[in-house]
């Protein structure tokens, strides 16, 4: 049939004789763009006549009617037009308005408005151009939504309430840790990094990453189920499961994604699930709970009574998740892990513990606060990061095998994202194994934290009291906190980021300092001296001033808070660290 049609076309129409078979197939389709156009033009012409519906006979129309392809199509469309409801069809809806001026009918298939005898080249060009979508109008509409104005107004709100975030150009130098250089090349000391133990520049980690990138390249090559699941990923997950004494672990591209993906999946999959969330939980946990669309209850920060009052409203048959953190990063507070686990057992809930600011930092193996206080078996799900104490990037969960496999199978945040690069995985694996054996980094970090808190307290500089490695210094005003941060950087070459709303409450703006093993006595003297100078020259409120005002954010309340890591444990850690460090320097480790 097709061969007969082509043969007929070649005899009857020189235009079609030169047309490829593929194009003829397209033109033969009653819904093709060429047919639609011919019909729209012929209907427009017919509507401009005497109302009889008879098409005027133009040279173009007569040629089309004589064509073995166009002729049947015109007849088909005419019958369809007559028989359709209200005399309309999809093809006619796009037709131009009828006009008595025949010169106004300019078929866009052809460049020229006149009907001329086509040459071979012009016909081919016309066919190709005619099948393309006409260019959209570039005339701007008026009265629509003002996108640019909306964005500008939203930014203006951030500037007015002093919550606009500024990003300093800080380039950390691996060989001069904890030094960095600014965008202008000036050297500064970084005092606010989450690279708590300096593992990002550790020689073992860096060397492992170099070897891996030479062997496996820069990227993972795909998602975990499509070419991105390597032995390194499996080894890392086994190591993390072992670290937290769980059956399985699952690695994500970040801990933000791990929290969001896991909580949203758990909350949405368990029928009737209710989530109980600490008021100071991280934004990633809040987002995951919100995305689950499960009913939620926010209990007061670290308030066991508030939590139990809400738990007891539900039957034990109702699935429940209690989501909280071990170390709250802006206050330095420690969650009541054992007590919350006991409540979970009492009311048949599962516990979800975010140990992001604790893994690598606490416990004999670096398993976090839960390991340090011997509560690791009381927690159902642990979420951790590879981007802080372990010095690279990525997040993970560890739990029983079925739960982990369900998240692996259902969580979009895990399934539909590229796997972590092999070099990153190798670096993380090396850092975890190193910190499971070495007490050096944790001992140095704990020692420097104690020294800094004690020294600042003696000067009356208002440190928010807490038992962890975080050193928050209360300022109490967003603009002042930003200004102090800028002065430290520009005048004293010390980088400490200011923390403002919404990360902390309005009126509790602060500087967040995080000592590391690399911040020795000389660097510490520099920071303390700079803070003392700024507080004196600016007349900023000290601890006694906050006490006179009734206290704020825990400052000025006269509370003495013991450090989580006991003094005896720190001494033992240091006793182990000294020979370990000597052996490392001697090349025995």
Protein backbone atom coordinates (compact mmCIF):
# COMPACT_ATOMS: atom_id res chain seq x y z
CA UNK A 1 0.00 0.00 0.00
CA UNK A 2 2.75 2.43 0.95
CA UNK A 3 4.76 1.62 -2.18
CA UNK A 4 1.67 2.21 -4.35
CA UNK A 5 1.05 5.56 -2.66
CA UNK A 6 4.63 6.70 -3.22
CA UNK A 7 4.47 5.64 -6.85
CA UNK A 8 1.19 7.51 -7.38
CA UNK A 9 2.57 10.58 -5.62
CA UNK A 10 5.64 10.59 -7.84
CA UNK A 11 3.52 10.54 -11.00
CA UNK A 12 0.97 13.11 -9.85
CA UNK A 13 3.01 15.60 -7.85
CA UNK A 14 6.59 16.70 -8.51
CA UNK A 15 6.71 18.11 -4.97
CA UNK A 16 5.86 14.80 -3.36
CA UNK A 17 8.09 12.93 -5.79
CA UNK A 18 11.05 14.60 -4.12
CA UNK A 19 9.73 14.10 -0.57
CA UNK A 20 11.27 11.37 1.65
CA UNK A 21 9.03 8.45 2.56
CA UNK A 22 9.24 9.33 6.28
CA UNK A 23 7.83 12.78 5.58
CA UNK A 24 5.02 11.27 3.50
CA UNK A 25 4.06 9.06 6.44
CA UNK A 26 3.81 12.14 8.65
CA UNK A 27 1.73 14.03 6.08
CA UNK A 28 -0.56 11.02 5.60
CA UNK A 29 -1.51 11.04 9.32
CA UNK A 30 -4.84 12.84 9.84
CA UNK A 31 -3.37 14.46 13.01
CA UNK A 32 -0.07 15.52 11.43
CA UNK A 33 1.01 19.16 11.48
CA UNK A 34 0.80 19.60 7.69
CA UNK A 35 -2.76 18.26 7.48
CA UNK A 36 -3.84 20.36 10.42
CA UNK A 37 -2.43 23.45 8.78
CA UNK A 38 -3.97 22.78 5.36
CA UNK A 39 -7.33 22.19 6.99
CA UNK A 40 -7.12 25.32 9.09
CA UNK A 41 -6.30 27.40 6.04
CA UNK A 42 -9.00 25.88 3.84
CA UNK A 43 -11.65 26.29 6.54
CA UNK A 44 -10.63 29.90 6.98
CA UNK A 45 -11.01 30.47 3.25
CA UNK A 46 -14.35 28.68 3.14
CA UNK A 47 -15.72 30.71 5.99
CA UNK A 48 -15.00 33.95 4.13
CA UNK A 49 -17.24 33.14 1.18
CA UNK A 50 -20.97 33.29 0.76
CA UNK A 51 -21.67 30.96 3.63
CA UNK A 52 -22.31 27.93 1.45
CA UNK A 53 -19.22 26.16 2.76
CA UNK A 54 -17.85 25.66 -0.76
CA UNK A 55 -14.12 26.27 -0.94
CA UNK A 56 -12.96 28.85 -3.51
CA UNK A 57 -10.67 27.31 -6.05
CA UNK A 58 -7.21 28.74 -5.70
CA UNK A 59 -4.18 27.32 -7.46
CA UNK A 60 -2.85 26.04 -4.18
CA UNK A 61 -6.13 24.42 -3.21
CA UNK A 62 -6.62 22.81 -6.61
CA UNK A 63 -3.09 21.38 -6.43
CA UNK A 64 -3.79 20.04 -2.94
CA UNK A 65 -7.10 18.45 -3.97
CA UNK A 66 -5.41 16.76 -6.94
CA UNK A 67 -2.68 15.37 -4.71
CA UNK A 68 -3.15 11.66 -3.74
CA UNK A 69 -2.09 12.48 -0.19
CA UNK A 70 -3.57 15.94 0.46
CA UNK A 71 -6.82 15.32 -1.43
CA UNK A 72 -8.17 12.55 0.85
CA UNK A 73 -6.99 14.46 3.91
CA UNK A 74 -8.94 17.58 2.92
CA UNK A 75 -12.04 15.49 2.28
CA UNK A 76 -11.61 13.70 5.64
CA UNK A 77 -11.27 16.93 7.55
CA UNK A 78 -14.26 18.46 5.80
CA UNK A 79 -16.51 15.55 6.78
CA UNK A 80 -15.15 15.67 10.31
CA UNK A 81 -15.88 19.39 10.52
CA UNK A 82 -19.47 18.98 9.42
CA UNK A 83 -20.20 16.11 11.77
CA UNK A 84 -18.52 17.50 14.89
CA UNK A 85 -20.46 19.08 17.76
CA UNK A 86 -21.08 22.80 17.27
CA UNK A 87 -19.22 22.54 13.97
CA UNK A 88 -15.83 22.68 15.70
CA UNK A 89 -12.82 20.39 16.03
CA UNK A 90 -9.37 20.47 17.56
CA UNK A 91 -7.95 21.53 14.20
CA UNK A 92 -10.33 24.46 13.72
CA UNK A 93 -9.75 25.83 17.24
CA UNK A 94 -6.34 27.03 16.17
CA UNK A 95 -7.53 28.50 12.86
CA UNK A 96 -7.26 32.26 12.27
CA UNK A 97 -10.41 34.38 12.35
CA UNK A 98 -12.35 34.53 9.01
CA UNK A 99 -11.51 37.48 6.81
CA UNK A 100 -12.93 38.83 3.57
CA UNK A 101 -9.44 39.94 2.62
CA UNK A 102 -7.90 36.96 0.87
CA UNK A 103 -4.47 38.62 1.00
CA UNK A 104 -4.54 38.24 4.78
CA UNK A 105 -4.40 34.45 4.47
CA UNK A 106 -0.68 33.71 4.67
CA UNK A 107 0.07 30.05 5.30
CA UNK A 108 3.04 29.95 7.74
CA UNK A 109 4.23 26.71 6.13
CA UNK A 110 5.84 28.79 3.42
CA UNK A 111 8.10 31.76 3.85
CA UNK A 112 6.48 33.69 1.00
CA UNK A 113 2.99 35.13 1.22
CA UNK A 114 2.51 34.54 -2.49
CA UNK A 115 1.75 31.23 -4.12
CA UNK A 116 4.47 30.62 -6.66
CA UNK A 117 5.74 27.63 -8.51
CA UNK A 118 8.27 26.14 -6.15
CA UNK A 119 11.77 25.17 -7.10
CA UNK A 120 13.33 21.91 -5.95
CA UNK A 121 15.42 23.49 -3.17
CA UNK A 122 12.72 25.86 -1.95
CA UNK A 123 10.20 23.04 -1.67
CA UNK A 124 12.51 20.96 0.49
CA UNK A 125 13.25 23.96 2.69
CA UNK A 126 9.56 24.79 3.00
CA UNK A 127 8.68 21.28 4.12
CA UNK A 128 11.33 21.25 6.85
CA UNK A 129 10.45 24.72 8.12
CA UNK A 130 6.74 24.10 7.91
CA UNK A 131 6.82 21.20 10.35
CA UNK A 132 8.45 23.30 13.07
CA UNK A 133 6.49 25.12 15.78
CA UNK A 134 6.12 28.83 14.95
CA UNK A 135 8.21 31.05 17.24
CA UNK A 136 6.45 32.21 20.40
CA UNK A 137 5.66 35.86 20.81
CA UNK A 138 8.39 37.78 22.64
CA UNK A 139 6.05 40.58 23.70
CA UNK A 140 6.02 40.86 27.50
CA UNK A 141 2.67 40.53 29.24
CA UNK A 142 1.51 43.20 31.66
CA UNK A 143 -0.27 42.94 34.98
CA UNK A 144 1.19 39.53 35.91
CA UNK A 145 2.97 38.37 39.03
CA UNK A 146 6.05 40.46 39.85
CA UNK A 147 8.65 37.74 40.39
CA UNK A 148 11.64 40.03 40.76
CA UNK A 149 9.79 42.30 43.16
CA UNK A 150 8.70 39.35 45.28
CA UNK A 151 12.27 38.04 45.60
CA UNK A 152 13.56 41.52 46.48
CA UNK A 153 10.87 41.96 49.16
CA UNK A 154 11.69 38.61 50.75
CA UNK A 155 15.37 39.53 50.93
CA UNK A 156 14.47 42.94 52.33
CA UNK A 157 12.61 41.20 55.18
CA UNK A 158 15.76 39.23 56.04
CA UNK A 159 17.85 42.40 56.10
CA UNK A 160 15.33 44.25 58.26
CA UNK A 161 15.08 41.54 60.93
CA UNK A 162 18.87 41.02 60.84
CA UNK A 163 18.51 37.35 59.86
CA UNK A 164 20.17 37.71 56.44
CA UNK A 165 23.04 35.25 56.17
CA UNK A 166 26.50 36.37 55.10
CA UNK A 167 29.03 33.84 53.82
CA UNK A 168 32.68 34.61 54.47
CA UNK A 169 35.26 33.50 51.94
CA UNK A 170 37.33 31.13 54.12
CA UNK A 171 39.77 28.64 52.58
CA UNK A 172 41.14 26.19 55.14
CA UNK A 173 44.77 25.18 54.69
CA UNK A 174 45.40 21.49 55.28
CA UNK A 175 49.08 21.87 56.05
CA UNK A 176 48.55 24.82 58.42
CA UNK A 177 45.42 23.59 60.24
CA UNK A 178 43.53 25.36 61.86
CA UNK A 179 44.65 28.24 59.67
CA UNK A 180 42.90 29.44 56.52
CA UNK A 181 43.21 32.25 54.04
CA UNK A 182 40.51 34.73 53.04
CA UNK A 183 39.55 35.74 49.53
CA UNK A 184 42.30 38.36 49.63
CA UNK A 185 44.93 35.84 50.74
CA UNK A 186 45.19 36.95 54.39
CA UNK A 187 45.83 34.16 56.91
CA UNK A 188 43.26 33.77 59.67
CA UNK A 189 42.63 31.27 62.47
CA UNK A 190 39.39 29.33 62.20
CA UNK A 191 37.63 28.90 65.56
CA UNK A 192 34.16 27.75 64.46
CA UNK A 193 34.67 24.75 62.21
CA UNK A 194 32.68 21.53 62.61
CA UNK A 195 35.82 19.63 61.62
CA UNK A 196 36.05 19.03 65.36
CA UNK A 197 39.04 16.68 65.39
CA UNK A 198 40.89 17.91 62.31
CA UNK A 199 40.38 14.63 60.46
CA UNK A 200 39.84 16.40 57.13
CA UNK A 201 43.58 17.01 56.95
CA UNK A 202 44.77 13.87 58.76
CA UNK A 203 47.59 12.25 56.72
CA UNK A 204 45.97 8.80 56.80
CA UNK A 205 42.65 10.14 55.52
CA UNK A 206 44.20 12.30 52.81
CA UNK A 207 46.44 9.48 51.58
CA UNK A 208 43.54 7.01 51.47
CA UNK A 209 41.51 9.44 49.38
CA UNK A 210 44.39 10.05 46.97
CA UNK A 211 44.92 6.34 46.42
CA UNK A 212 41.21 5.74 45.91
CA UNK A 213 40.73 8.57 43.44
CA UNK A 214 43.66 7.31 41.38
CA UNK A 215 42.14 3.83 41.30
CA UNK A 216 38.41 4.53 40.99
CA UNK A 217 38.17 8.08 39.69
CA UNK A 218 36.33 11.12 40.96
CA UNK A 219 32.67 10.08 40.97
CA UNK A 220 30.53 7.11 41.91
CA UNK A 221 28.97 6.83 38.48
CA UNK A 222 25.33 6.55 39.49
CA UNK A 223 22.78 5.86 42.18
CA UNK A 224 23.27 2.98 44.57
CA UNK A 225 21.12 0.64 42.48
CA UNK A 226 22.54 1.78 39.13
CA UNK A 227 26.33 1.41 38.98
CA UNK A 228 26.97 3.37 42.22
CA UNK A 229 27.13 0.53 44.73
CA UNK A 230 30.78 -0.36 45.29
CA UNK A 231 32.52 -2.53 47.84
CA UNK A 232 33.71 0.62 49.61
CA UNK A 233 30.12 1.67 50.27
CA UNK A 234 29.27 -1.75 51.67
CA UNK A 235 32.39 -1.76 53.85
CA UNK A 236 31.56 1.69 55.21
CA UNK A 237 28.03 0.61 56.11
CA UNK A 238 29.33 -2.51 57.85
CA UNK A 239 31.80 -0.37 59.82
CA UNK A 240 29.07 2.06 60.90
CA UNK A 241 26.74 -0.76 61.95
CA UNK A 242 29.56 -2.22 64.03
CA UNK A 243 30.36 1.19 65.54
CA UNK A 244 26.82 1.58 66.85
CA UNK A 245 26.26 -2.12 67.59
CA UNK A 246 23.36 -2.36 65.16
CA UNK A 247 22.47 -4.97 62.55
CA UNK A 248 22.78 -2.64 59.56
CA UNK A 249 23.53 0.89 58.40
CA UNK A 250 22.71 2.98 55.34
CA UNK A 251 24.79 5.83 53.93
CA UNK A 252 23.22 8.98 52.45
CA UNK A 253 24.63 11.97 50.58
CA UNK A 254 24.35 14.10 53.75
CA UNK A 255 22.95 13.88 57.25
CA UNK A 256 20.30 16.43 56.32
CA UNK A 257 19.08 14.00 53.67
CA UNK A 258 19.39 11.06 56.08
CA UNK A 259 17.13 12.76 58.63
CA UNK A 260 14.61 13.99 56.08
CA UNK A 261 14.42 10.71 54.14
CA UNK A 262 14.26 8.42 57.16
CA UNK A 263 11.75 10.35 59.27
CA UNK A 264 9.48 11.14 56.33
CA UNK A 265 9.48 7.51 55.21
CA UNK A 266 8.92 6.05 58.67
CA UNK A 267 6.18 8.52 59.54
CA UNK A 268 4.32 8.00 56.28
CA UNK A 269 4.65 4.22 56.03
CA UNK A 270 3.65 3.19 59.56
CA UNK A 271 -0.17 3.36 59.72
CA UNK A 272 -1.40 6.02 62.13
CA UNK A 273 2.13 6.92 63.23
CA UNK A 274 2.54 9.87 65.63
CA UNK A 275 5.87 11.70 66.00
CA UNK A 276 7.14 13.40 69.18
CA UNK A 277 9.87 15.94 68.49
CA UNK A 278 12.12 17.98 70.80
CA UNK A 279 11.54 21.72 70.39
CA UNK A 280 15.24 22.28 69.60
CA UNK A 281 15.59 19.61 66.93
CA UNK A 282 17.57 20.37 63.78
CA UNK A 283 15.83 21.74 60.68
CA UNK A 284 16.43 18.47 58.80
CA UNK A 285 14.49 16.52 61.43
CA UNK A 286 11.69 19.08 61.43
CA UNK A 287 11.47 18.86 57.64
CA UNK A 288 11.44 15.06 57.65
CA UNK A 289 8.62 15.00 60.20
CA UNK A 290 6.66 17.58 58.22
CA UNK A 291 7.15 15.66 54.97
CA UNK A 292 5.83 12.48 56.60
CA UNK A 293 2.47 14.22 57.14
CA UNK A 294 2.15 12.25 60.34
CA UNK A 295 0.55 13.93 63.38
CA UNK A 296 3.30 15.48 65.52
CA UNK A 297 3.73 16.81 69.02
CA UNK A 298 6.54 19.19 69.99
CA UNK A 299 7.72 18.68 73.56
CA UNK A 300 9.66 21.31 75.45
CA UNK A 301 13.41 21.12 74.99
CA UNK A 302 14.91 18.39 77.17
CA UNK A 303 11.69 18.29 79.23
CA UNK A 304 10.79 14.74 80.18
CA UNK A 305 7.53 15.77 81.84
CA UNK A 306 6.38 17.54 78.69
CA UNK A 307 7.21 14.46 76.62
CA UNK A 308 5.38 12.04 78.88
CA UNK A 309 2.28 14.20 79.05
CA UNK A 310 1.97 13.89 75.31
CA UNK A 311 2.92 10.21 75.07
CA UNK A 312 0.28 9.12 77.54
CA UNK A 313 -2.51 10.46 75.32
CA UNK A 314 -2.02 7.56 72.90
CA UNK A 315 -2.72 3.86 73.15
CA UNK A 316 0.27 1.53 73.11
CA UNK A 317 -1.02 0.09 69.82
CA UNK A 318 -0.39 3.42 68.03
CA UNK A 319 3.03 3.55 66.30
CA UNK A 320 5.15 6.32 67.78
CA UNK A 321 8.56 7.88 67.07
CA UNK A 322 10.45 10.00 69.60
CA UNK A 323 12.98 12.14 67.71
CA UNK A 324 15.71 14.00 69.60
CA UNK A 325 19.43 14.78 69.60
CA UNK A 326 22.36 13.82 71.78
CA UNK A 327 24.30 17.10 71.44
CA UNK A 328 22.34 20.21 70.49
CA UNK A 329 24.84 22.13 68.42
CA UNK A 330 23.94 25.75 69.22
CA UNK A 331 23.48 25.41 72.98
CA UNK A 332 25.77 22.46 73.64
CA UNK A 333 23.06 20.77 75.69
CA UNK A 334 22.98 16.98 76.02
CA UNK A 335 19.75 15.06 75.46
CA UNK A 336 18.33 12.80 78.19
CA UNK A 337 19.04 9.61 76.27
CA UNK A 338 18.48 6.98 78.95
CA UNK A 339 15.38 8.67 80.35
CA UNK A 340 13.78 9.14 76.93
CA UNK A 341 14.57 5.54 76.03
CA UNK A 342 12.80 4.45 79.22
CA UNK A 343 9.72 6.47 78.29
CA UNK A 344 9.78 4.97 74.81
CA UNK A 345 9.76 1.50 76.30
CA UNK A 346 6.93 2.40 78.68
CA UNK A 347 4.67 3.76 75.92
CA UNK A 348 5.78 1.39 73.12
CA UNK A 349 7.57 4.01 70.98
CA UNK A 350 10.75 3.79 68.96
CA UNK A 351 13.61 6.21 69.50
CA UNK A 352 15.33 8.21 66.78
CA UNK A 353 18.59 9.74 68.06
CA UNK A 354 20.54 12.30 66.05
CA UNK A 355 24.21 11.90 67.09
CA UNK A 356 25.56 14.22 64.40
CA UNK A 357 27.60 16.38 66.78
CA UNK A 358 28.70 13.43 68.90
CA UNK A 359 29.90 10.58 66.64
CA UNK A 360 33.67 10.39 66.72
CA UNK A 361 33.68 12.73 69.72
CA UNK A 362 32.45 10.56 72.61
CA UNK A 363 32.77 6.96 73.66
CA UNK A 364 35.74 4.63 73.59
CA UNK A 365 35.19 3.93 69.88
CA UNK A 366 33.73 7.31 68.96
CA UNK A 367 30.21 5.87 68.90
CA UNK A 368 28.72 9.03 70.38
CA UNK A 369 27.08 10.02 73.65
CA UNK A 370 24.98 6.86 73.69
CA UNK A 371 28.16 4.78 73.71
CA UNK A 372 29.79 6.95 76.38
CA UNK A 373 26.88 6.58 78.81
CA UNK A 374 26.31 2.88 77.96
CA UNK A 375 22.90 3.48 76.39
CA UNK A 376 23.68 2.33 72.87
CA UNK A 377 21.40 -0.72 73.12
CA UNK A 378 18.48 1.44 74.30
CA UNK A 379 18.29 3.41 71.04
CA UNK A 380 16.43 2.04 68.02
CA UNK A 381 17.75 4.32 65.26
CA UNK A 382 20.96 6.35 65.29
CA UNK A 383 21.60 9.07 62.74
CA UNK A 384 25.15 10.31 62.27
CA UNK A 385 27.33 12.32 59.94
CA UNK A 386 30.61 11.83 58.13
CA UNK A 387 31.03 15.59 57.72
CA UNK A 388 32.04 16.72 61.20
CA UNK A 389 34.31 14.65 63.45
CA UNK A 390 35.15 12.34 60.52
CA UNK A 391 36.18 15.24 58.29
CA UNK A 392 34.53 14.41 54.95
CA UNK A 393 30.86 14.52 53.88
CA UNK A 394 27.80 12.28 54.05
CA UNK A 395 25.25 10.99 56.53
CA UNK A 396 23.90 7.64 57.70
CA UNK A 397 21.47 5.75 59.87
CA UNK A 398 22.09 2.57 61.85
CA UNK A 399 19.30 0.30 63.12
CA UNK A 400 17.92 -3.22 62.80
CA UNK A 401 18.23 -4.84 59.39
CA UNK A 402 14.55 -4.79 58.43
CA UNK A 403 14.12 -1.12 59.25
CA UNK A 404 17.23 -0.16 57.30
CA UNK A 405 16.17 -2.27 54.33
CA UNK A 406 12.74 -0.64 54.33
CA UNK A 407 14.32 2.83 54.20
CA UNK A 408 16.65 1.60 51.45
CA UNK A 409 13.65 0.36 49.48
CA UNK A 410 11.21 3.26 49.98
CA UNK A 411 13.07 6.52 50.73
CA UNK A 412 13.34 8.75 47.63
CA UNK A 413 16.18 10.69 49.25
CA UNK A 414 18.26 7.53 49.15
CA UNK A 415 17.02 5.89 45.95
CA UNK A 416 17.12 8.79 43.52
CA UNK A 417 20.45 10.46 44.25
CA UNK A 418 24.00 9.84 43.11
CA UNK A 419 26.07 7.75 45.48
CA UNK A 420 28.94 9.26 47.47
CA UNK A 421 32.22 9.35 45.51
CA UNK A 422 34.57 6.42 46.27
CA UNK A 423 37.31 8.73 47.56
CA UNK A 424 34.93 10.29 50.09
CA UNK A 425 33.80 6.86 51.24
CA UNK A 426 37.40 5.73 51.57
CA UNK A 427 38.28 8.84 53.59
CA UNK A 428 35.32 8.31 55.91
CA UNK A 429 36.15 4.64 56.42
CA UNK A 430 39.75 5.52 57.26
CA UNK A 431 38.71 8.27 59.71
CA UNK A 432 36.23 6.01 61.53
CA UNK A 433 38.75 3.19 61.91
CA UNK A 434 41.43 5.62 63.08
CA UNK A 435 39.20 7.18 65.75
CA UNK A 436 38.05 3.78 66.99
CA UNK A 437 41.66 3.20 68.02
CA UNK A 438 43.22 6.59 68.64
CA UNK A 439 42.41 8.57 71.81
CA UNK A 440 44.76 11.42 70.79
CA UNK A 441 42.28 13.61 68.95
CA UNK A 442 39.44 13.30 71.47
CA UNK A 443 41.81 13.92 74.40
CA UNK A 444 43.21 17.09 72.79
CA UNK A 445 39.79 18.41 71.91
CA UNK A 446 38.32 17.79 75.38
CA UNK A 447 41.33 19.36 77.07
CA UNK A 448 41.21 22.55 74.96
CA UNK A 449 37.45 22.89 75.48
CA UNK A 450 37.88 22.79 79.24
CA UNK A 451 40.72 25.29 79.13
CA UNK A 452 38.79 27.80 77.01
CA UNK A 453 35.55 27.59 79.01
CA UNK A 454 37.44 28.07 82.27
CA UNK A 455 39.48 31.03 81.01
CA UNK A 456 36.49 32.87 79.53
CA UNK A 457 34.47 32.28 82.68
CA UNK A 458 37.24 33.80 84.81
CA UNK A 459 37.04 36.94 82.65
CA UNK A 460 33.27 37.14 82.99
CA UNK A 461 32.71 36.65 79.27
CA UNK A 462 29.23 35.08 79.07
CA UNK A 463 29.61 31.44 77.99
CA UNK A 464 26.31 29.57 77.73
CA UNK A 465 26.80 26.76 80.28
CA UNK A 466 26.67 23.25 78.86
CA UNK A 467 28.35 19.85 79.31
CA UNK A 468 29.62 19.36 75.74
CA UNK A 469 32.46 20.49 73.49
CA UNK A 470 30.50 23.52 72.17
CA UNK A 471 31.48 26.98 73.52
CA UNK A 472 28.61 29.43 72.82
CA UNK A 473 29.30 33.07 73.82
CA UNK A 474 26.12 35.07 74.38
CA UNK A 475 25.86 38.49 72.69
CA UNK A 476 22.09 38.98 72.72
CA UNK A 477 21.65 41.10 69.59
CA UNK A 478 21.86 40.11 65.92
CA UNK A 479 23.52 43.25 64.60
CA UNK A 480 26.06 43.33 67.44
CA UNK A 481 26.89 39.65 67.01
CA UNK A 482 27.57 40.19 63.31
CA UNK A 483 29.66 43.27 64.07
CA UNK A 484 31.76 41.43 66.69
CA UNK A 485 32.33 38.58 64.25
CA UNK A 486 33.47 41.07 61.59
CA UNK A 487 35.84 42.80 64.02
CA UNK A 488 37.40 39.53 65.09
CA UNK A 489 38.05 38.69 61.46
CA UNK A 490 39.20 42.06 60.16
CA UNK A 491 41.11 43.31 63.18
CA UNK A 492 42.38 40.17 64.89
CA UNK A 493 42.41 37.68 61.96
CA UNK A 494 40.19 35.30 63.92
CA UNK A 495 37.17 33.74 62.25
CA UNK A 496 34.19 33.02 64.52
CA UNK A 497 30.78 32.99 62.85
CA UNK A 498 27.89 34.81 64.49
CA UNK A 499 24.71 32.77 65.02
CA UNK A 500 21.43 34.63 64.66
CA UNK A 501 17.71 33.94 64.26
CA UNK A 502 16.24 31.56 63.12
CA UNK A 503 19.09 29.24 64.15
CA UNK A 504 18.72 30.60 67.68
CA UNK A 505 15.90 32.58 69.29
CA UNK A 506 15.78 36.36 68.94
CA UNK A 507 17.69 37.89 71.84
CA UNK A 508 19.93 34.83 72.19
CA UNK A 509 22.31 35.64 69.32
CA UNK A 510 25.81 34.37 69.95
CA UNK A 511 29.26 33.46 68.76
CA UNK A 512 29.78 29.71 68.47
CA UNK A 513 33.34 28.61 69.22
CA UNK A 514 34.58 25.05 68.69
CA UNK A 515 38.10 24.29 69.96
CA UNK A 516 39.96 21.46 68.26
CA UNK A 517 43.14 19.50 69.05
CA UNK A 518 45.00 22.03 66.90
CA UNK A 519 44.05 25.08 68.96
CA UNK A 520 47.01 25.11 71.32
CA UNK A 521 47.87 27.61 74.09
CA UNK A 522 49.25 30.30 71.76
CA UNK A 523 46.16 30.37 69.55
CA UNK A 524 43.92 30.23 72.62
CA UNK A 525 45.67 33.25 74.15
CA UNK A 526 45.04 35.14 70.91
CA UNK A 527 41.30 34.39 70.94
CA UNK A 528 40.84 35.18 74.63
CA UNK A 529 42.78 38.44 74.32
CA UNK A 530 40.72 39.54 71.32
CA UNK A 531 37.41 38.78 73.04
CA UNK A 532 38.51 40.58 76.19
CA UNK A 533 39.46 43.68 74.18
CA UNK A 534 36.20 43.75 72.21
CA UNK A 535 34.01 43.20 75.29
CA UNK A 536 35.83 45.98 77.17
CA UNK A 537 35.92 48.54 74.34
CA UNK A 538 32.31 48.01 73.35
CA UNK A 539 30.98 47.67 76.86
CA UNK A 540 29.22 44.42 76.02
CA UNK A 541 27.29 42.65 78.75
CA UNK A 542 29.26 40.18 80.82
CA UNK A 543 27.93 37.33 82.91
CA UNK A 544 27.22 39.59 85.91
CA UNK A 545 25.24 41.97 83.70
CA UNK A 546 23.08 39.14 82.41
CA UNK A 547 22.57 37.94 85.99
CA UNK A 548 21.36 41.43 87.00
CA UNK A 549 18.78 41.23 84.19
CA UNK A 550 17.51 37.85 85.37
CA UNK A 551 19.65 35.74 83.05
CA UNK A 552 19.23 34.65 79.47
CA UNK A 553 19.91 31.42 77.56
CA UNK A 554 21.26 29.90 80.78
CA UNK A 555 23.77 32.71 81.35
CA UNK A 556 23.63 34.55 84.70
CA UNK A 557 21.58 31.93 86.51
CA UNK A 558 24.42 30.80 88.75
CA UNK A 559 24.27 27.23 87.47
CA UNK A 560 27.35 25.05 87.49
CA UNK A 561 27.28 22.46 84.74
CA UNK A 562 29.65 19.52 84.85
CA UNK A 563 31.24 18.38 81.61
CA UNK A 564 29.89 15.15 80.16
CA UNK A 565 33.36 13.61 79.95
CA UNK A 566 34.40 13.14 83.53
CA UNK A 567 37.79 14.39 84.69
CA UNK A 568 38.95 10.85 85.51
CA UNK A 569 37.96 9.67 82.04
CA UNK A 570 39.85 12.56 80.46
CA UNK A 571 42.98 11.74 82.46
CA UNK A 572 42.75 8.11 81.38
CA UNK A 573 42.26 9.22 77.80
CA UNK A 574 45.33 11.43 78.00
CA UNK A 575 47.37 8.64 79.58
CA UNK A 576 46.46 6.44 76.59
CA UNK A 577 46.98 9.24 74.12
CA UNK A 578 50.56 10.07 75.11
CA UNK A 579 52.16 6.70 74.29
CA UNK A 580 49.87 6.36 71.24
CA UNK A 581 51.13 9.70 69.96
CA UNK A 582 54.74 8.74 70.63
CA UNK A 583 54.31 5.46 68.77
CA UNK A 584 52.70 7.28 65.87
CA UNK A 585 55.58 9.72 65.65
CA UNK A 586 58.01 6.81 65.80
CA UNK A 587 56.25 5.15 62.87
CA UNK A 588 54.98 2.19 64.87
CA UNK A 589 51.34 2.94 64.02
